[in-house]
Amino acid sequence: METTAKRQKLHDYIEVAEDDKVDALYTILKEEVEERYEWWNDEELIVELERRSNDLKSGKDPGVTLEESRERLTALFRKDG
């Protein structure tokens, strides 16, 4: 069974499960459910963001305009559509 189907079955089950079963599942998964990704504490991400910011400021990376981004996205959607 594919992951998508498993997710749907779990979702459907949780919608109608008895309270004690929902409580049991929540107890098992509590840490993962409540875990938050605090990107500002991710040192690797901060270093990468600073590098990219510096590259944009220095001109090493010319970046793209909003219009260029729209054109690229529109072209991608046309290919898939």
Protein backbone atom coordinates (compact mmCIF):
# COMPACT_ATOMS: atom_id res chain seq x y z
CA MET A 1 0.00 0.00 0.00
CA GLU A 2 1.34 3.44 -0.91
CA THR A 3 2.00 6.09 1.70
CA THR A 4 -0.79 8.29 0.35
CA ALA A 5 -3.33 5.50 0.82
CA LYS A 6 -2.02 4.81 4.33
CA ARG A 7 -2.36 8.48 5.26
CA GLN A 8 -5.92 8.55 3.97
CA LYS A 9 -6.86 5.38 5.87
CA LEU A 10 -5.37 6.79 9.09
CA HIS A 11 -7.11 10.11 8.58
CA ASP A 12 -10.44 8.38 7.98
CA TYR A 13 -9.94 6.19 11.04
CA ILE A 14 -9.03 9.05 13.37
CA GLU A 15 -12.14 10.98 12.28
CA VAL A 16 -14.41 8.26 13.73
CA ALA A 17 -12.22 6.55 16.34
CA GLU A 18 -13.30 6.35 19.95
CA ASP A 19 -11.74 8.93 22.27
CA ASP A 20 -9.57 6.41 24.10
CA LYS A 21 -8.04 5.23 20.82
CA VAL A 22 -7.35 8.80 19.70
CA ASP A 23 -5.74 9.43 23.11
CA ALA A 24 -3.57 6.31 22.73
CA LEU A 25 -2.42 7.31 19.24
CA TYR A 26 -1.72 10.84 20.41
CA THR A 27 0.35 9.54 23.33
CA ILE A 28 2.47 7.48 20.93
CA LEU A 29 2.97 10.36 18.47
CA LYS A 30 2.88 13.34 20.85
CA GLU A 31 6.53 14.35 20.53
CA GLU A 32 6.40 14.31 16.73
CA VAL A 33 3.04 16.05 16.55
CA GLU A 34 4.14 18.84 18.87
CA GLU A 35 7.68 19.17 17.54
CA ARG A 36 8.26 22.50 15.91
CA TYR A 37 10.98 23.35 13.46
CA GLU A 38 12.64 26.52 14.68
CA TRP A 39 14.50 27.56 11.55
CA TRP A 40 16.19 30.45 13.33
CA ASN A 41 18.04 27.87 15.47
CA ASP A 42 19.21 25.86 12.46
CA GLU A 43 22.84 26.94 12.11
CA GLU A 44 23.31 25.37 8.67
CA LEU A 45 20.24 27.14 7.33
CA ILE A 46 21.32 30.51 8.76
CA VAL A 47 24.79 30.15 7.20
CA GLU A 48 23.21 29.29 3.83
CA LEU A 49 20.78 32.22 4.02
CA GLU A 50 23.61 34.62 4.88
CA ARG A 51 25.70 33.26 1.98
CA ARG A 52 22.84 33.73 -0.46
CA SER A 53 22.08 37.19 0.87
CA ASN A 54 25.73 38.23 0.52
CA ASP A 55 25.84 36.82 -3.03
CA LEU A 56 22.80 38.88 -3.97
CA LYS A 57 24.17 42.05 -2.35
CA SER A 58 27.56 41.70 -4.02
CA GLY A 59 26.10 40.94 -7.43
CA LYS A 60 27.70 37.47 -7.56
CA ASP A 61 24.13 36.15 -7.89
CA PRO A 62 22.02 38.47 -10.04
CA GLY A 63 18.79 37.00 -8.70
CA VAL A 64 15.54 37.17 -10.65
CA THR A 65 12.81 39.74 -10.82
CA LEU A 66 9.24 39.04 -9.80
CA GLU A 67 8.24 39.19 -13.46
CA GLU A 68 10.92 36.62 -14.40
CA SER A 69 9.65 34.35 -11.65
CA ARG A 70 6.08 34.66 -12.91
CA GLU A 71 7.16 33.88 -16.47
CA ARG A 72 9.08 30.79 -15.36
CA LEU A 73 6.19 29.51 -13.25
CA THR A 74 3.68 30.18 -16.02
CA ALA A 75 5.86 28.25 -18.47
CA LEU A 76 6.12 25.32 -16.03
CA PHE A 77 2.36 25.21 -15.52
CA ARG A 78 1.77 25.27 -19.27
CA LYS A 79 4.06 22.24 -19.71
CA ASP A 80 2.20 20.28 -17.03
CA GLY A 81 -1.25 21.53 -17.92
